[in-house]
Amino acid sequence: MISRTSKVGEVQILHIPDDDLTRVDVTPEHLQKWAKSRVILTDSQRAELGSILKGTTAQKQPEQTNPRWGFNLRWGLLLSDKSGREVDTVFFDGSGTIGLINGEVVRFSRDLSTPLHQLTHLVR
């Protein structure tokens, strides 16, 4: 699902605090517009993110979990190559277990939000 052929030059993390209320579903587009925090990871943080993601699997989900049925995304990871071109996107909800990888609905094998809070020190 995530491209392994491209070299990632930059990882940006987007976040909307879990307790921020919205009147509409938070889609990937909304998250990119409304993110309260944007963090570009340092090399050491990128290495730590790699450790967090290692061993985490993502399983495609059936149509009924499609975003058009409603999503409350709180996290985004935007991966760009060395020229700045976006190569992959990962979005997930406050639970850190349901999200999208490059537009495909997935369920992650573990909570990703808690370790990202610890990595970035962003407010819940």
Foldseek 3Di string as FASTA:
>chain_A
DADPVFDFDKKKKFFDDQPDDDPAFCDPVNSVVPGPDIDIDDPVLVVVVVVLCVPKDKDFDDPCVQCVVGHRWGMKIFTAGNVRHTRWMWIHHQQQAWTDIRRTTIGIPHRPNVVVCVSVVDHD
